[in-house]
Amino acid sequence: MMQPKLKSKVRATDREIGEVTRVIVDPLSHEISHIVVSMNGSGERQVAMTFVQSVTDGLVELRAAAGDILDLPPFKRDEYVTTHEVEIAHLEEKVHVTPGEVLVPFPELEKSVKRRTFFMNFTHVIGFLIGLPIAFPVLRYLMKPMYSPFDNGWLKVGNVSKIKQDDIGFQFKYKRKVKEAYMPESEIEKNVWILKATPAVLDKVYQGKDLEFKDASGKAVWTNKKDMPYVAFSGKCPHLGCGYKWRQHKVLGQVFLCPCHLSIYDASGKVLDGPAPRPLDSLPIRVSATGEVEIIDMEFKAGTKTQIRII
């Protein structure tokens, strides 16, 4: 079946009822789940693709009568965001509609746990605690690499000549070798966001004092000087560890935006909106006389108000 196009006429089994104004996409499957139909002066209705009989160039035919479509609840625009506001990787490969009219549902956050789910999880926890004394020595052996000291070596990520404007986030990608538990060593691709900050943004980042990084024993690893203009942020959102992007927001201007749960940060990493519990995580950074950027790759536990280093 062809994909519904914007402005396509929509015909029910008994008559023409309006036109397609938007499409709604499932963010997981990347499939169109609904079309939004402007009902010729009777508001908009959200029509599931299961109602669609066929799609041709400029026409969507439904397998329901006009009255059935009018009986559907009115379309609630405030429950959705556009793909201008939230980036979904590779969506454009499957959905060929003007991006600003492609909608995805707001994620459902912090739902209360149902009673049945609670007791099921409680039973699993009890079983885990009973088996822990037996399993711990084996797990300790298998995960021995996880107890090794943090790697505080410097990694080269690029040159600041790529940054053309102040207070604009620029993403540098790099590769790092990792060793997890008993798995063989592997190389993964990571990223860091770096910006050349104006004094106003630097003041918000450092609040008038240098930023010191320490290892697990409390020994100083590195200090970012408050007057050094380049700032580095970990590429993972502090909420749940998703990757975020530098985007133009229709109200807030240019910001860092996480597509997973819509946390929004300004150029200094401060949380402007969303469920993120703390600002973006700053990283140790140094820049050579020739502009080469080096960072110490650190990761911090997601979902906590305070930084707890895990890598």
C-alpha atoms as a PDB file:
ATOM      1  CA  MET A   1       0.000   0.000   0.000  1.00  0.00           C
ATOM      2  CA  MET A   2       1.219   3.502  -0.786  1.00  0.00           C
ATOM      3  CA  GLN A   3       1.817   5.958   2.036  1.00  0.00           C
ATOM      4  CA  PRO A   4      -0.894   8.600   2.572  1.00  0.00           C
ATOM      5  CA  LYS A   5       0.188  11.999   1.297  1.00  0.00           C
ATOM      6  CA  LEU A   6      -0.607  15.343   2.850  1.00  0.00           C
ATOM      7  CA  LYS A   7      -3.624  17.072   1.262  1.00  0.00           C
ATOM      8  CA  SER A   8      -4.856  13.745  -0.093  1.00  0.00           C
ATOM      9  CA  LYS A   9      -8.635  13.557  -0.255  1.00  0.00           C
ATOM     10  CA  VAL A  10     -10.230  11.114   2.189  1.00  0.00           C
ATOM     11  CA  ARG A  11     -13.318   9.182   1.100  1.00  0.00           C
ATOM     12  CA  ALA A  12     -15.487   7.080   3.423  1.00  0.00           C
ATOM     13  CA  THR A  13     -17.676   4.299   2.061  1.00  0.00           C
ATOM     14  CA  ASP A  14     -20.568   6.718   1.525  1.00  0.00           C
ATOM     15  CA  ARG A  15     -18.953  10.079   0.731  1.00  0.00           C
ATOM     16  CA  GLU A  16     -15.851  12.263   0.745  1.00  0.00           C
ATOM     17  CA  ILE A  17     -15.168  13.551   4.271  1.00  0.00           C
ATOM     18  CA  GLY A  18     -12.027  15.736   4.129  1.00  0.00           C
ATOM     19  CA  GLU A  19      -8.288  15.620   3.598  1.00  0.00           C
ATOM     20  CA  VAL A  20      -5.107  14.359   5.291  1.00  0.00           C
ATOM     21  CA  THR A  21      -3.385  17.096   7.321  1.00  0.00           C
ATOM     22  CA  ARG A  22      -0.823  15.066   9.284  1.00  0.00           C
ATOM     23  CA  VAL A  23       0.416  11.519   9.781  1.00  0.00           C
ATOM     24  CA  ILE A  24       1.266   9.876  13.100  1.00  0.00           C
ATOM     25  CA  VAL A  25       4.202   7.490  13.295  1.00  0.00           C
ATOM     26  CA  ASP A  26       4.987   4.747  15.780  1.00  0.00           C
ATOM     27  CA  PRO A  27       8.488   5.757  17.017  1.00  0.00           C
ATOM     28  CA  LEU A  28       9.535   2.110  17.483  1.00  0.00           C
ATOM     29  CA  SER A  29       8.348   0.451  14.279  1.00  0.00           C
ATOM     30  CA  HIS A  30       8.670   3.629  12.144  1.00  0.00           C
ATOM     31  CA  GLU A  31       5.341   2.715  10.546  1.00  0.00           C
ATOM     32  CA  ILE A  32       2.471   5.146  10.018  1.00  0.00           C
ATOM     33  CA  SER A  33      -0.121   4.241  12.664  1.00  0.00           C
ATOM     34  CA  HIS A  34      -2.744   6.957  12.025  1.00  0.00           C
ATOM     35  CA  ILE A  35      -3.685   9.746   9.690  1.00  0.00           C
ATOM     36  CA  VAL A  36      -5.214  13.017  10.880  1.00  0.00           C
ATOM     37  CA  VAL A  37      -8.221  13.999   8.777  1.00  0.00           C
ATOM     38  CA  SER A  38      -9.651  17.518   8.571  1.00  0.00           C
ATOM     39  CA  MET A  39     -13.385  16.824   8.459  1.00  0.00           C
ATOM     40  CA  ASN A  40     -14.614  19.663   6.204  1.00  0.00           C
ATOM     41  CA  GLY A  41     -15.388  22.062   9.053  1.00  0.00           C
ATOM     42  CA  SER A  42     -16.158  19.424  11.721  1.00  0.00           C
ATOM     43  CA  GLY A  43     -12.726  19.415  13.330  1.00  0.00           C
ATOM     44  CA  GLU A  44      -9.983  16.833  12.977  1.00  0.00           C
ATOM     45  CA  ARG A  45     -10.146  13.111  13.641  1.00  0.00           C
ATOM     46  CA  GLN A  46      -7.306  10.683  14.262  1.00  0.00           C
ATOM     47  CA  VAL A  47      -7.993   7.702  12.019  1.00  0.00           C
ATOM     48  CA  ALA A  48      -6.108   4.440  12.535  1.00  0.00           C
ATOM     49  CA  MET A  49      -4.534   2.847   9.472  1.00  0.00           C
ATOM     50  CA  THR A  50      -6.734  -0.192  10.132  1.00  0.00           C
ATOM     51  CA  PHE A  51      -9.621   1.930   8.783  1.00  0.00           C
ATOM     52  CA  VAL A  52      -7.772   2.507   5.506  1.00  0.00           C
ATOM     53  CA  GLN A  53      -8.923   0.370   2.599  1.00  0.00           C
ATOM     54  CA  SER A  54      -6.552   1.696  -0.041  1.00  0.00           C
ATOM     55  CA  VAL A  55      -4.225   4.578  -0.834  1.00  0.00           C
ATOM     56  CA  THR A  56      -3.657   5.955  -4.301  1.00  0.00           C
ATOM     57  CA  ASP A  57      -1.981   9.108  -5.466  1.00  0.00           C
ATOM     58  CA  GLY A  58      -4.090  11.887  -3.940  1.00  0.00           C
ATOM     59  CA  LEU A  59      -6.830   9.706  -2.441  1.00  0.00           C
ATOM     60  CA  VAL A  60      -7.271   7.680   0.751  1.00  0.00           C
ATOM     61  CA  GLU A  61     -10.282   5.362   0.781  1.00  0.00           C
ATOM     62  CA  LEU A  62     -11.653   4.127   4.107  1.00  0.00           C
ATOM     63  CA  ARG A  63     -13.574   0.968   4.924  1.00  0.00           C
ATOM     64  CA  ALA A  64     -15.922   2.859   7.290  1.00  0.00           C
ATOM     65  CA  ALA A  65     -18.838   5.227   6.785  1.00  0.00           C
ATOM     66  CA  ALA A  66     -18.554   8.980   7.366  1.00  0.00           C
ATOM     67  CA  GLY A  67     -20.663   8.763  10.538  1.00  0.00           C
ATOM     68  CA  ASP A  68     -18.283   6.213  12.053  1.00  0.00           C
ATOM     69  CA  ILE A  69     -15.318   8.507  11.468  1.00  0.00           C
ATOM     70  CA  LEU A  70     -17.175  11.499  12.943  1.00  0.00           C
ATOM     71  CA  ASP A  71     -17.854   9.415  16.062  1.00  0.00           C
ATOM     72  CA  LEU A  72     -14.122   9.072  16.680  1.00  0.00           C
ATOM     73  CA  PRO A  73     -12.705  11.350  19.441  1.00  0.00           C
ATOM     74  CA  PRO A  74     -11.373  14.734  18.244  1.00  0.00           C
ATOM     75  CA  PHE A  75      -7.651  14.821  17.481  1.00  0.00           C
ATOM     76  CA  LYS A  76      -5.597  16.093  20.468  1.00  0.00           C
ATOM     77  CA  ARG A  77      -2.626  17.953  19.019  1.00  0.00           C
ATOM     78  CA  ASP A  78      -0.987  18.643  22.405  1.00  0.00           C
ATOM     79  CA  GLU A  79      -0.357  14.918  22.926  1.00  0.00           C
ATOM     80  CA  TYR A  80       2.150  14.840  20.059  1.00  0.00           C
ATOM     81  CA  VAL A  81       5.402  16.433  18.949  1.00  0.00           C
ATOM     82  CA  THR A  82       6.703  16.856  15.426  1.00  0.00           C
ATOM     83  CA  THR A  83       9.839  15.317  14.000  1.00  0.00           C
ATOM     84  CA  HIS A  84      11.296  18.831  13.863  1.00  0.00           C
ATOM     85  CA  GLU A  85      11.352  18.733  17.680  1.00  0.00           C
ATOM     86  CA  VAL A  86      12.355  15.095  18.186  1.00  0.00           C
ATOM     87  CA  GLU A  87      14.865  13.244  16.049  1.00  0.00           C
ATOM     88  CA  ILE A  88      14.151   9.590  15.230  1.00  0.00           C
ATOM     89  CA  ALA A  89      17.052   7.896  13.506  1.00  0.00           C
ATOM     90  CA  HIS A  90      16.415   6.615   9.962  1.00  0.00           C
ATOM     91  CA  LEU A  91      12.747   7.625  10.019  1.00  0.00           C
ATOM     92  CA  GLU A  92      13.112   9.449   6.718  1.00  0.00           C
ATOM     93  CA  GLU A  93      14.027   6.128   5.094  1.00  0.00           C
ATOM     94  CA  LYS A  94      10.518   4.786   5.759  1.00  0.00           C
ATOM     95  CA  VAL A  95       8.195   7.787   5.971  1.00  0.00           C
ATOM     96  CA  HIS A  96       8.103  10.189   3.026  1.00  0.00           C
ATOM     97  CA  VAL A  97       6.050  13.120   4.290  1.00  0.00           C
ATOM     98  CA  THR A  98       6.937  16.729   5.085  1.00  0.00           C
ATOM     99  CA  PRO A  99       8.836  16.403   8.416  1.00  0.00           C
ATOM    100  CA  GLY A 100       6.925  19.153  10.225  1.00  0.00           C
ATOM    101  CA  GLU A 101       3.662  17.286   9.706  1.00  0.00           C
ATOM    102  CA  VAL A 102       4.936  13.927  10.977  1.00  0.00           C
ATOM    103  CA  LEU A 103       3.857  13.470  14.587  1.00  0.00           C
ATOM    104  CA  VAL A 104       4.998  11.044  17.275  1.00  0.00           C
ATOM    105  CA  PRO A 105       3.315  10.538  20.662  1.00  0.00           C
ATOM    106  CA  PHE A 106       4.745  12.137  23.765  1.00  0.00           C
ATOM    107  CA  PRO A 107       6.474   9.362  25.740  1.00  0.00           C
ATOM    108  CA  GLU A 108       4.587   8.115  28.782  1.00  0.00           C
ATOM    109  CA  LEU A 109       6.762   8.916  31.782  1.00  0.00           C
ATOM    110  CA  GLU A 110       6.848   7.932  35.420  1.00  0.00           C
ATOM    111  CA  LYS A 111       3.692   5.807  35.316  1.00  0.00           C
ATOM    112  CA  SER A 112       2.706   4.269  38.642  1.00  0.00           C
ATOM    113  CA  VAL A 113       3.489   0.571  38.866  1.00  0.00           C
ATOM    114  CA  LYS A 114       0.414  -1.623  38.742  1.00  0.00           C
ATOM    115  CA  ARG A 115      -0.267  -3.848  41.746  1.00  0.00           C
ATOM    116  CA  ARG A 116       0.262  -7.081  39.785  1.00  0.00           C
ATOM    117  CA  THR A 117       3.556  -5.833  38.370  1.00  0.00           C
ATOM    118  CA  PHE A 118       4.703  -4.808  41.840  1.00  0.00           C
ATOM    119  CA  PHE A 119       4.159  -8.246  43.340  1.00  0.00           C
ATOM    120  CA  MET A 120       5.747  -9.966  40.351  1.00  0.00           C
ATOM    121  CA  ASN A 121       8.866  -7.807  40.710  1.00  0.00           C
ATOM    122  CA  PHE A 122       8.834  -8.309  44.486  1.00  0.00           C
ATOM    123  CA  THR A 123       8.883 -12.091  43.989  1.00  0.00           C
ATOM    124  CA  HIS A 124      11.841 -11.781  41.614  1.00  0.00           C
ATOM    125  CA  VAL A 125      13.765  -9.702  44.157  1.00  0.00           C
ATOM    126  CA  ILE A 126      13.193 -12.280  46.921  1.00  0.00           C
ATOM    127  CA  GLY A 127      14.445 -15.059  44.635  1.00  0.00           C
ATOM    128  CA  PHE A 128      17.495 -12.998  43.751  1.00  0.00           C
ATOM    129  CA  LEU A 129      18.362 -12.381  47.406  1.00  0.00           C
ATOM    130  CA  ILE A 130      18.066 -16.081  48.250  1.00  0.00           C
ATOM    131  CA  GLY A 131      20.422 -17.077  45.414  1.00  0.00           C
ATOM    132  CA  LEU A 132      22.906 -14.241  45.866  1.00  0.00           C
ATOM    133  CA  PRO A 133      25.272 -15.945  48.391  1.00  0.00           C
ATOM    134  CA  ILE A 134      25.746 -18.840  45.972  1.00  0.00           C
ATOM    135  CA  ALA A 135      26.087 -16.762  42.843  1.00  0.00           C
ATOM    136  CA  PHE A 136      28.264 -13.925  44.172  1.00  0.00           C
ATOM    137  CA  PRO A 137      31.689 -15.669  44.025  1.00  0.00           C
ATOM    138  CA  VAL A 138      31.043 -16.772  40.444  1.00  0.00           C
ATOM    139  CA  LEU A 139      29.838 -13.327  39.388  1.00  0.00           C
ATOM    140  CA  ARG A 140      32.798 -11.688  41.089  1.00  0.00           C
ATOM    141  CA  TYR A 141      35.197 -13.835  39.060  1.00  0.00           C
ATOM    142  CA  LEU A 142      33.377 -13.278  35.767  1.00  0.00           C
ATOM    143  CA  MET A 143      33.136  -9.526  36.282  1.00  0.00           C
ATOM    144  CA  LYS A 144      36.668  -9.012  37.576  1.00  0.00           C
ATOM    145  CA  PRO A 145      37.483  -6.509  34.773  1.00  0.00           C
ATOM    146  CA  MET A 146      34.718  -4.267  36.084  1.00  0.00           C
ATOM    147  CA  TYR A 147      36.662  -3.755  39.316  1.00  0.00           C
ATOM    148  CA  SER A 148      39.723  -2.370  37.576  1.00  0.00           C
ATOM    149  CA  PRO A 149      40.551   1.333  38.104  1.00  0.00           C
ATOM    150  CA  PHE A 150      38.958   3.930  35.840  1.00  0.00           C
ATOM    151  CA  ASP A 151      40.891   4.758  32.700  1.00  0.00           C
ATOM    152  CA  ASN A 152      41.932   8.405  32.960  1.00  0.00           C
ATOM    153  CA  GLY A 153      43.962   8.479  29.765  1.00  0.00           C
ATOM    154  CA  TRP A 154      43.526  11.319  27.286  1.00  0.00           C
ATOM    155  CA  LEU A 155      41.790  10.635  23.976  1.00  0.00           C
ATOM    156  CA  LYS A 156      42.113  12.785  20.863  1.00  0.00           C
ATOM    157  CA  VAL A 157      38.732  13.625  19.344  1.00  0.00           C
ATOM    158  CA  GLY A 158      39.388  16.345  16.735  1.00  0.00           C
ATOM    159  CA  ASN A 159      40.374  19.957  16.150  1.00  0.00           C
ATOM    160  CA  VAL A 160      38.573  23.090  17.308  1.00  0.00           C
ATOM    161  CA  SER A 161      38.896  24.534  13.802  1.00  0.00           C
ATOM    162  CA  LYS A 162      35.635  22.679  13.065  1.00  0.00           C
ATOM    163  CA  ILE A 163      33.770  24.919  15.527  1.00  0.00           C
ATOM    164  CA  LYS A 164      32.755  28.009  13.572  1.00  0.00           C
ATOM    165  CA  GLN A 165      30.483  29.849  16.058  1.00  0.00           C
ATOM    166  CA  ASP A 166      30.453  30.562  19.776  1.00  0.00           C
ATOM    167  CA  ASP A 167      27.897  28.883  22.052  1.00  0.00           C
ATOM    168  CA  ILE A 168      26.981  26.324  19.368  1.00  0.00           C
ATOM    169  CA  GLY A 169      27.189  22.624  20.199  1.00  0.00           C
ATOM    170  CA  PHE A 170      29.465  20.633  17.887  1.00  0.00           C
ATOM    171  CA  GLN A 171      29.637  16.841  18.017  1.00  0.00           C
ATOM    172  CA  PHE A 172      32.970  15.039  17.820  1.00  0.00           C
ATOM    173  CA  LYS A 173      32.920  11.272  17.324  1.00  0.00           C
ATOM    174  CA  TYR A 174      35.694   8.970  18.465  1.00  0.00           C
ATOM    175  CA  LYS A 175      36.380   5.292  19.094  1.00  0.00           C
ATOM    176  CA  ARG A 176      37.428   3.625  22.303  1.00  0.00           C
ATOM    177  CA  LYS A 177      38.407   0.094  23.258  1.00  0.00           C
ATOM    178  CA  VAL A 178      36.352  -1.372  26.108  1.00  0.00           C
ATOM    179  CA  LYS A 179      36.397  -4.523  28.188  1.00  0.00           C
ATOM    180  CA  GLU A 180      33.110  -5.577  29.788  1.00  0.00           C
ATOM    181  CA  ALA A 181      32.923  -8.442  32.281  1.00  0.00           C
ATOM    182  CA  TYR A 182      34.217 -11.670  30.687  1.00  0.00           C
ATOM    183  CA  MET A 183      33.560 -10.474  27.122  1.00  0.00           C
ATOM    184  CA  PRO A 184      36.545  -9.990  24.767  1.00  0.00           C
ATOM    185  CA  GLU A 185      37.856  -6.471  24.280  1.00  0.00           C
ATOM    186  CA  SER A 186      35.959  -4.535  21.627  1.00  0.00           C
ATOM    187  CA  GLU A 187      35.977  -1.095  20.014  1.00  0.00           C
ATOM    188  CA  ILE A 188      32.919   1.118  20.280  1.00  0.00           C
ATOM    189  CA  GLU A 189      32.036   4.470  18.739  1.00  0.00           C
ATOM    190  CA  LYS A 190      31.263   7.298  21.135  1.00  0.00           C
ATOM    191  CA  ASN A 191      30.734  11.023  20.919  1.00  0.00           C
ATOM    192  CA  VAL A 192      31.288  14.204  22.892  1.00  0.00           C
ATOM    193  CA  TRP A 193      29.723  17.647  22.464  1.00  0.00           C
ATOM    194  CA  ILE A 194      32.120  20.592  22.534  1.00  0.00           C
ATOM    195  CA  LEU A 195      31.420  24.274  22.241  1.00  0.00           C
ATOM    196  CA  LYS A 196      33.459  27.438  22.308  1.00  0.00           C
ATOM    197  CA  ALA A 197      31.703  29.319  25.070  1.00  0.00           C
ATOM    198  CA  THR A 198      31.291  33.027  25.569  1.00  0.00           C
ATOM    199  CA  PRO A 199      32.080  34.454  29.043  1.00  0.00           C
ATOM    200  CA  ALA A 200      28.363  34.442  29.905  1.00  0.00           C
ATOM    201  CA  VAL A 201      28.029  30.725  29.180  1.00  0.00           C
ATOM    202  CA  LEU A 202      31.339  29.917  30.908  1.00  0.00           C
ATOM    203  CA  ASP A 203      30.075  31.649  34.032  1.00  0.00           C
ATOM    204  CA  LYS A 204      26.959  29.436  34.006  1.00  0.00           C
ATOM    205  CA  VAL A 205      29.072  26.301  33.531  1.00  0.00           C
ATOM    206  CA  TYR A 206      31.718  27.011  36.162  1.00  0.00           C
ATOM    207  CA  GLN A 207      29.899  29.493  38.425  1.00  0.00           C
ATOM    208  CA  GLY A 208      33.079  31.431  39.029  1.00  0.00           C
ATOM    209  CA  LYS A 209      35.367  28.534  40.022  1.00  0.00           C
ATOM    210  CA  ASP A 210      37.470  25.867  38.331  1.00  0.00           C
ATOM    211  CA  LEU A 211      35.965  22.397  37.879  1.00  0.00           C
ATOM    212  CA  GLU A 212      38.055  19.635  39.427  1.00  0.00           C
ATOM    213  CA  PHE A 213      37.757  15.951  38.512  1.00  0.00           C
ATOM    214  CA  LYS A 214      38.843  13.257  40.972  1.00  0.00           C
ATOM    215  CA  ASP A 215      39.261   9.496  40.846  1.00  0.00           C
ATOM    216  CA  ALA A 216      37.566   6.983  43.157  1.00  0.00           C
ATOM    217  CA  SER A 217      40.186   7.517  45.867  1.00  0.00           C
ATOM    218  CA  GLY A 218      39.718  11.288  45.840  1.00  0.00           C
ATOM    219  CA  LYS A 219      42.958  12.021  43.987  1.00  0.00           C
ATOM    220  CA  ALA A 220      42.777  14.911  41.526  1.00  0.00           C
ATOM    221  CA  VAL A 221      42.746  13.798  37.883  1.00  0.00           C
ATOM    222  CA  TRP A 222      42.356  17.104  36.059  1.00  0.00           C
ATOM    223  CA  THR A 223      41.011  20.612  36.505  1.00  0.00           C
ATOM    224  CA  ASN A 224      39.072  22.518  33.861  1.00  0.00           C
ATOM    225  CA  LYS A 225      39.985  26.183  34.233  1.00  0.00           C
ATOM    226  CA  LYS A 226      37.004  28.518  34.378  1.00  0.00           C
ATOM    227  CA  ASP A 227      38.480  30.900  31.795  1.00  0.00           C
ATOM    228  CA  MET A 228      39.334  28.204  29.204  1.00  0.00           C
ATOM    229  CA  PRO A 229      36.763  28.842  26.447  1.00  0.00           C
ATOM    230  CA  TYR A 230      36.166  25.261  25.328  1.00  0.00           C
ATOM    231  CA  VAL A 231      33.631  23.114  27.194  1.00  0.00           C
ATOM    232  CA  ALA A 232      33.041  19.372  26.719  1.00  0.00           C
ATOM    233  CA  PHE A 233      29.856  17.479  27.568  1.00  0.00           C
ATOM    234  CA  SER A 234      29.383  13.718  27.700  1.00  0.00           C
ATOM    235  CA  GLY A 235      27.347  12.487  24.735  1.00  0.00           C
ATOM    236  CA  LYS A 236      24.815  10.743  26.993  1.00  0.00           C
ATOM    237  CA  CYS A 237      21.738  12.379  28.497  1.00  0.00           C
ATOM    238  CA  PRO A 238      21.809  12.258  32.339  1.00  0.00           C
ATOM    239  CA  HIS A 239      18.196  11.085  32.407  1.00  0.00           C
ATOM    240  CA  LEU A 240      18.449   7.575  30.902  1.00  0.00           C
ATOM    241  CA  GLY A 241      21.685   7.704  28.907  1.00  0.00           C
ATOM    242  CA  CYS A 242      20.229   8.396  25.456  1.00  0.00           C
ATOM    243  CA  GLY A 243      22.153  10.316  22.823  1.00  0.00           C
ATOM    244  CA  TYR A 244      20.991  13.912  22.365  1.00  0.00           C
ATOM    245  CA  LYS A 245      21.298  16.498  19.594  1.00  0.00           C
ATOM    246  CA  TRP A 246      21.814  20.238  19.065  1.00  0.00           C
ATOM    247  CA  ARG A 247      18.529  21.512  17.693  1.00  0.00           C
ATOM    248  CA  GLN A 248      16.525  24.650  16.967  1.00  0.00           C
ATOM    249  CA  HIS A 249      13.553  24.792  19.347  1.00  0.00           C
ATOM    250  CA  LYS A 250      10.584  26.895  18.255  1.00  0.00           C
ATOM    251  CA  VAL A 251      10.327  28.593  21.676  1.00  0.00           C
ATOM    252  CA  LEU A 252      13.706  28.203  23.394  1.00  0.00           C
ATOM    253  CA  GLY A 253      15.958  28.772  20.384  1.00  0.00           C
ATOM    254  CA  GLN A 254      19.081  26.625  19.950  1.00  0.00           C
ATOM    255  CA  VAL A 255      19.322  23.941  22.611  1.00  0.00           C
ATOM    256  CA  PHE A 256      20.526  20.420  23.346  1.00  0.00           C
ATOM    257  CA  LEU A 257      17.472  18.145  23.012  1.00  0.00           C
ATOM    258  CA  CYS A 258      17.172  14.484  23.971  1.00  0.00           C
ATOM    259  CA  PRO A 259      14.720  12.594  21.720  1.00  0.00           C
ATOM    260  CA  CYS A 260      13.983   9.833  24.241  1.00  0.00           C
ATOM    261  CA  HIS A 261      12.045  11.819  26.850  1.00  0.00           C
ATOM    262  CA  LEU A 262      12.343  15.420  25.658  1.00  0.00           C
ATOM    263  CA  SER A 263      14.858  16.724  28.185  1.00  0.00           C
ATOM    264  CA  ILE A 264      16.128  20.111  27.003  1.00  0.00           C
ATOM    265  CA  TYR A 265      19.380  21.846  27.994  1.00  0.00           C
ATOM    266  CA  ASP A 266      20.879  25.226  27.148  1.00  0.00           C
ATOM    267  CA  ALA A 267      24.427  25.776  25.871  1.00  0.00           C
ATOM    268  CA  SER A 268      25.799  25.627  29.426  1.00  0.00           C
ATOM    269  CA  GLY A 269      24.172  22.222  30.006  1.00  0.00           C
ATOM    270  CA  LYS A 270      21.499  23.594  32.348  1.00  0.00           C
ATOM    271  CA  VAL A 271      18.169  21.733  32.314  1.00  0.00           C
ATOM    272  CA  LEU A 272      15.447  23.887  30.760  1.00  0.00           C
ATOM    273  CA  ASP A 273      12.684  21.290  30.522  1.00  0.00           C
ATOM    274  CA  GLY A 274      11.997  17.581  30.816  1.00  0.00           C
ATOM    275  CA  PRO A 275      12.707  14.856  33.378  1.00  0.00           C
ATOM    276  CA  ALA A 276      16.540  15.090  33.465  1.00  0.00           C
ATOM    277  CA  PRO A 277      17.663  15.096  37.137  1.00  0.00           C
ATOM    278  CA  ARG A 278      20.867  17.121  36.605  1.00  0.00           C
ATOM    279  CA  PRO A 279      22.697  19.222  33.988  1.00  0.00           C
ATOM    280  CA  LEU A 280      24.736  17.701  31.189  1.00  0.00           C
ATOM    281  CA  ASP A 281      27.904  16.033  32.464  1.00  0.00           C
ATOM    282  CA  SER A 282      31.050  18.079  31.842  1.00  0.00           C
ATOM    283  CA  LEU A 283      34.218  16.189  30.924  1.00  0.00           C
ATOM    284  CA  PRO A 284      37.915  16.990  31.380  1.00  0.00           C
ATOM    285  CA  ILE A 285      39.154  18.791  28.280  1.00  0.00           C
ATOM    286  CA  ARG A 286      42.436  20.258  27.062  1.00  0.00           C
ATOM    287  CA  VAL A 287      43.237  21.981  23.787  1.00  0.00           C
ATOM    288  CA  SER A 288      46.749  22.166  22.328  1.00  0.00           C
ATOM    289  CA  ALA A 289      48.326  25.221  20.723  1.00  0.00           C
ATOM    290  CA  THR A 290      47.412  23.771  17.323  1.00  0.00           C
ATOM    291  CA  GLY A 291      43.764  23.299  18.324  1.00  0.00           C
ATOM    292  CA  GLU A 292      43.815  19.535  18.911  1.00  0.00           C
ATOM    293  CA  VAL A 293      41.143  18.532  21.425  1.00  0.00           C
ATOM    294  CA  GLU A 294      41.670  15.806  24.009  1.00  0.00           C
ATOM    295  CA  ILE A 295      39.210  14.573  26.620  1.00  0.00           C
ATOM    296  CA  ILE A 296      39.156  12.024  29.409  1.00  0.00           C
ATOM    297  CA  ASP A 297      36.270   9.712  28.611  1.00  0.00           C
ATOM    298  CA  MET A 298      34.049   9.559  31.684  1.00  0.00           C
ATOM    299  CA  GLU A 299      30.512   8.266  32.054  1.00  0.00           C
ATOM    300  CA  PHE A 300      28.192   8.856  34.983  1.00  0.00           C
ATOM    301  CA  LYS A 301      25.200   6.944  36.280  1.00  0.00           C
ATOM    302  CA  ALA A 302      21.966   8.029  34.629  1.00  0.00           C
ATOM    303  CA  GLY A 303      18.870   9.053  36.578  1.00  0.00           C
ATOM    304  CA  THR A 304      20.596  10.457  39.677  1.00  0.00           C
ATOM    305  CA  LYS A 305      20.814  14.048  40.910  1.00  0.00           C
ATOM    306  CA  THR A 306      24.496  13.688  41.779  1.00  0.00           C
ATOM    307  CA  GLN A 307      27.256  12.462  39.481  1.00  0.00           C
ATOM    308  CA  ILE A 308      28.320   8.868  40.165  1.00  0.00           C
ATOM    309  CA  ARG A 309      31.096   7.794  37.819  1.00  0.00           C
ATOM    310  CA  ILE A 310      30.692   4.357  36.239  1.00  0.00           C
ATOM    311  CA  ILE A 311      33.363   4.493  33.479  1.00  0.00           C
END
